[in-house]
C-alpha atoms as a PDB file:
ATOM      1  CA  MET A   1       3.777 -16.774  -8.336  1.00  0.00           C
ATOM      2  CA  LYS A   2       0.627 -14.719  -8.008  1.00  0.00           C
ATOM      3  CA  TYR A   3      -0.453 -13.003  -5.103  1.00  0.00           C
ATOM      4  CA  SER A   4      -3.959 -11.502  -4.162  1.00  0.00           C
ATOM      5  CA  PHE A   5      -6.008  -9.267  -2.008  1.00  0.00           C
ATOM      6  CA  ASP A   6     -10.104  -8.268  -1.612  1.00  0.00           C
ATOM      7  CA  ILE A   7     -10.119  -4.654  -0.902  1.00  0.00           C
ATOM      8  CA  PRO A   8     -13.285  -3.659   0.904  1.00  0.00           C
ATOM      9  CA  SER A   9     -15.448  -0.734  -1.494  1.00  0.00           C
ATOM     10  CA  SER A  10     -14.499   1.732   1.201  1.00  0.00           C
ATOM     11  CA  LYS A  11     -11.928   4.630   0.998  1.00  0.00           C
ATOM     12  CA  ASN A  12     -10.770   3.926   4.645  1.00  0.00           C
ATOM     13  CA  LYS A  13      -9.026   0.474   3.387  1.00  0.00           C
ATOM     14  CA  LEU A  14      -7.400   1.753   0.707  1.00  0.00           C
ATOM     15  CA  ARG A  15      -3.919   2.036   2.913  1.00  0.00           C
ATOM     16  CA  LEU A  16      -4.360  -1.910   3.350  1.00  0.00           C
ATOM     17  CA  MET A  17      -4.357  -1.920  -0.288  1.00  0.00           C
ATOM     18  CA  ARG A  18      -0.941   0.254  -0.896  1.00  0.00           C
ATOM     19  CA  LYS A  19       0.591  -1.511   2.366  1.00  0.00           C
ATOM     20  CA  PHE A  20      -0.247  -5.059   0.422  1.00  0.00           C
ATOM     21  CA  VAL A  21       1.420  -3.495  -3.182  1.00  0.00           C
ATOM     22  CA  THR A  22       4.218  -2.276  -1.349  1.00  0.00           C
ATOM     23  CA  ASP A  23       5.235  -5.538   0.696  1.00  0.00           C
ATOM     24  CA  VAL A  24       4.872  -7.514  -2.189  1.00  0.00           C
ATOM     25  CA  LEU A  25       6.741  -5.185  -4.612  1.00  0.00           C
ATOM     26  CA  LYS A  26       9.787  -5.186  -2.132  1.00  0.00           C
ATOM     27  CA  ASP A  27       9.864  -8.828  -1.572  1.00  0.00           C
ATOM     28  CA  HIS A  28      10.222  -8.761  -5.489  1.00  0.00           C
ATOM     29  CA  ASP A  29      13.265  -6.504  -4.797  1.00  0.00           C
ATOM     30  CA  VAL A  30      11.372  -3.557  -7.192  1.00  0.00           C
ATOM     31  CA  SER A  31      13.262  -0.266  -6.829  1.00  0.00           C
ATOM     32  CA  ASP A  32      11.751   2.049  -4.016  1.00  0.00           C
ATOM     33  CA  ILE A  33      10.986   4.359  -6.676  1.00  0.00           C
ATOM     34  CA  GLU A  34       9.306   2.130  -9.141  1.00  0.00           C
ATOM     35  CA  ILE A  35       7.388   0.649  -5.636  1.00  0.00           C
ATOM     36  CA  ASN A  36       6.048   4.319  -5.018  1.00  0.00           C
ATOM     37  CA  MET A  37       5.062   5.033  -8.742  1.00  0.00           C
ATOM     38  CA  MET A  38       2.984   1.590  -9.115  1.00  0.00           C
ATOM     39  CA  VAL A  39       1.354   1.955  -5.498  1.00  0.00           C
ATOM     40  CA  LEU A  40       0.270   5.096  -6.533  1.00  0.00           C
ATOM     41  CA  ALA A  41      -0.944   4.176  -9.925  1.00  0.00           C
ATOM     42  CA  VAL A  42      -2.588   1.359  -8.646  1.00  0.00           C
ATOM     43  CA  ASP A  43      -4.294   3.363  -5.329  1.00  0.00           C
ATOM     44  CA  GLU A  44      -5.604   6.034  -8.319  1.00  0.00           C
ATOM     45  CA  VAL A  45      -7.423   3.389  -9.968  1.00  0.00           C
ATOM     46  CA  CYS A  46      -8.876   1.535  -6.886  1.00  0.00           C
ATOM     47  CA  ALA A  47      -9.555   4.548  -5.472  1.00  0.00           C
ATOM     48  CA  ASN A  48     -11.840   5.616  -8.565  1.00  0.00           C
ATOM     49  CA  ILE A  49     -13.329   2.215  -8.842  1.00  0.00           C
ATOM     50  CA  ILE A  50     -14.469   2.458  -5.068  1.00  0.00           C
ATOM     51  CA  ILE A  51     -15.876   5.943  -5.306  1.00  0.00           C
ATOM     52  CA  HIS A  52     -17.151   6.059  -8.803  1.00  0.00           C
ATOM     53  CA  GLY A  53     -17.879   2.324  -9.724  1.00  0.00           C
ATOM     54  CA  HIS A  54     -19.435   1.596  -6.270  1.00  0.00           C
ATOM     55  CA  PRO A  55     -20.780   4.875  -4.688  1.00  0.00           C
ATOM     56  CA  SER A  56     -22.940   3.861  -2.177  1.00  0.00           C
ATOM     57  CA  ASP A  57     -22.302  -0.194  -2.030  1.00  0.00           C
ATOM     58  CA  ASP A  58     -19.879  -0.822   0.759  1.00  0.00           C
ATOM     59  CA  MET A  59     -20.558  -4.536   0.358  1.00  0.00           C
ATOM     60  CA  SER A  60     -18.544  -4.841  -2.821  1.00  0.00           C
ATOM     61  CA  GLU A  61     -14.840  -5.650  -3.317  1.00  0.00           C
ATOM     62  CA  VAL A  62     -12.382  -4.953  -5.701  1.00  0.00           C
ATOM     63  CA  LYS A  63     -10.160  -7.788  -6.197  1.00  0.00           C
ATOM     64  CA  LEU A  64      -6.353  -7.171  -7.043  1.00  0.00           C
ATOM     65  CA  GLY A  65      -4.157  -9.743  -8.178  1.00  0.00           C
ATOM     66  CA  ILE A  66      -0.182  -9.231  -8.676  1.00  0.00           C
ATOM     67  CA  SER A  67       1.922 -11.312 -10.977  1.00  0.00           C
ATOM     68  CA  PHE A  68       5.427 -11.676 -12.271  1.00  0.00           C
ATOM     69  CA  LYS A  69       6.127 -12.389 -15.654  1.00  0.00           C
ATOM     70  CA  ASN A  70       7.713 -10.937 -18.972  1.00  0.00           C
ATOM     71  CA  GLU A  71      10.246  -8.941 -16.813  1.00  0.00           C
ATOM     72  CA  GLY A  72       7.593  -6.861 -15.237  1.00  0.00           C
ATOM     73  CA  VAL A  73       4.717  -6.499 -12.764  1.00  0.00           C
ATOM     74  CA  TRP A  74       1.278  -7.233 -13.977  1.00  0.00           C
ATOM     75  CA  PHE A  75      -2.186  -5.706 -11.658  1.00  0.00           C
ATOM     76  CA  GLU A  76      -5.309  -7.179 -12.183  1.00  0.00           C
ATOM     77  CA  ILE A  77      -7.943  -5.179 -11.023  1.00  0.00           C
ATOM     78  CA  ILE A  78     -11.556  -6.955 -10.906  1.00  0.00           C
ATOM     79  CA  ASP A  79     -14.888  -5.284  -9.598  1.00  0.00           C
ATOM     80  CA  GLN A  80     -18.424  -5.615 -10.768  1.00  0.00           C
ATOM     81  CA  GLY A  81     -19.385  -2.112 -10.359  1.00  0.00           C
ATOM     82  CA  ASN A  82     -20.011   0.792 -12.646  1.00  0.00           C
ATOM     83  CA  ALA A  83     -17.980   0.069 -15.850  1.00  0.00           C
ATOM     84  CA  PHE A  84     -15.099   2.693 -16.968  1.00  0.00           C
ATOM     85  CA  ASP A  85     -12.816   2.518 -19.661  1.00  0.00           C
ATOM     86  CA  ILE A  86      -9.320   4.094 -18.426  1.00  0.00           C
ATOM     87  CA  VAL A  87      -7.689   3.348 -21.881  1.00  0.00           C
ATOM     88  CA  SER A  88     -10.474   4.705 -23.990  1.00  0.00           C
ATOM     89  CA  TYR A  89     -10.418   7.894 -21.774  1.00  0.00           C
ATOM     90  CA  GLN A  90      -9.418  11.455 -22.907  1.00  0.00           C
ATOM     91  CA  GLU A  91      -6.888  13.205 -21.329  1.00  0.00           C
ATOM     92  CA  PRO A  92      -7.714  16.470 -20.093  1.00  0.00           C
ATOM     93  CA  VAL A  93      -5.332  19.519 -21.548  1.00  0.00           C
ATOM     94  CA  ILE A  94      -3.617  20.381 -18.424  1.00  0.00           C
ATOM     95  CA  GLU A  95      -3.557  24.386 -19.030  1.00  0.00           C
ATOM     96  CA  ASP A  96      -7.615  24.017 -19.416  1.00  0.00           C
ATOM     97  CA  LEU A  97      -7.739  22.294 -15.855  1.00  0.00           C
ATOM     98  CA  VAL A  98      -5.146  25.216 -14.396  1.00  0.00           C
ATOM     99  CA  ARG A  99      -7.745  27.686 -15.862  1.00  0.00           C
ATOM    100  CA  ASN A 100     -10.930  26.458 -15.040  1.00  0.00           C
ATOM    101  CA  LYS A 101      -9.703  25.173 -11.521  1.00  0.00           C
ATOM    102  CA  ASN A 102     -10.606  21.629 -12.220  1.00  0.00           C
ATOM    103  CA  LYS A 103      -8.986  18.790 -10.296  1.00  0.00           C
ATOM    104  CA  GLY A 104     -10.335  15.826 -11.762  1.00  0.00           C
ATOM    105  CA  GLY A 105      -8.770  13.531 -14.680  1.00  0.00           C
ATOM    106  CA  ILE A 106      -5.223  14.061 -13.564  1.00  0.00           C
ATOM    107  CA  GLY A 107      -5.028  10.903 -11.233  1.00  0.00           C
ATOM    108  CA  ILE A 108      -6.136   8.472 -15.007  1.00  0.00           C
ATOM    109  CA  MET A 109      -3.253  10.791 -16.575  1.00  0.00           C
ATOM    110  CA  LEU A 110      -0.427   9.430 -14.000  1.00  0.00           C
ATOM    111  CA  VAL A 111      -1.925   6.382 -14.242  1.00  0.00           C
ATOM    112  CA  LYS A 112      -1.131   6.394 -17.738  1.00  0.00           C
ATOM    113  CA  LYS A 113       2.134   7.875 -18.034  1.00  0.00           C
ATOM    114  CA  ILE A 114       2.813   5.443 -14.782  1.00  0.00           C
ATOM    115  CA  MET A 115       2.410   2.066 -16.292  1.00  0.00           C
ATOM    116  CA  ASP A 116       3.857   0.389 -19.819  1.00  0.00           C
ATOM    117  CA  ASP A 117       0.513  -1.439 -20.717  1.00  0.00           C
ATOM    118  CA  ILE A 118      -3.088  -0.820 -19.556  1.00  0.00           C
ATOM    119  CA  GLN A 119      -5.921  -2.975 -20.585  1.00  0.00           C
ATOM    120  CA  PHE A 120      -9.947  -2.918 -20.109  1.00  0.00           C
ATOM    121  CA  LYS A 121     -12.542  -5.673 -20.473  1.00  0.00           C
ATOM    122  CA  SER A 122     -15.899  -5.285 -19.316  1.00  0.00           C
ATOM    123  CA  SER A 123     -18.822  -7.968 -19.240  1.00  0.00           C
ATOM    124  CA  PRO A 124     -22.141  -7.725 -17.760  1.00  0.00           C
ATOM    125  CA  SER A 125     -20.605  -9.631 -14.774  1.00  0.00           C
ATOM    126  CA  LYS A 126     -17.458  -7.788 -14.062  1.00  0.00           C
ATOM    127  CA  ASN A 127     -14.301  -5.357 -15.114  1.00  0.00           C
ATOM    128  CA  THR A 128     -10.853  -6.418 -15.271  1.00  0.00           C
ATOM    129  CA  LEU A 129      -8.384  -3.581 -15.797  1.00  0.00           C
ATOM    130  CA  THR A 130      -4.957  -4.913 -15.957  1.00  0.00           C
ATOM    131  CA  LEU A 131      -1.957  -2.815 -15.568  1.00  0.00           C
ATOM    132  CA  TYR A 132       1.743  -3.552 -16.669  1.00  0.00           C
ATOM    133  CA  LYS A 133       4.761  -2.232 -15.715  1.00  0.00           C
ATOM    134  CA  LYS A 134       8.559  -3.043 -16.929  1.00  0.00           C
ATOM    135  CA  VAL A 135      10.970  -3.211 -13.999  1.00  0.00           C
ATOM    136  CA  GLU A 136      14.634  -3.675 -13.161  1.00  0.00           C
ATOM    137  CA  TYR A 137      15.224  -5.479 -10.248  1.00  0.00           C
ATOM    138  CA  THR A 138      17.734  -4.391  -7.530  1.00  0.00           C
ATOM    139  CA  LYS A 139      19.041  -7.849  -7.274  1.00  0.00           C
END
């Protein structure tokens, strides 16, 4: 079973995406803790795509698909903005961020820690980010 949601390229619409992800995961008896972690990860990725991939294009959309298989949840996030390969991203050293009072890069670190697998593909027509999280269902 696959669920899909199109997010307008606006930070103001991210709350709708968070509610969609939460509702889908609750319908599949995912624990509240795992729901919160996955919503955080998907929100971070979608926010980065909207802010950095579509900085001045309110007409673009980010497509989010959710499916359940292999004892886990798969999130497929597709956009047509500037590509950013989260898989190849080198995480900053936390101590350096604190010392330099830099706030960037922490969200991507969280995504990588929360999710069990991350894949990225880019072509001239679209970018596809796939996130996988193994879950234990509450029922």
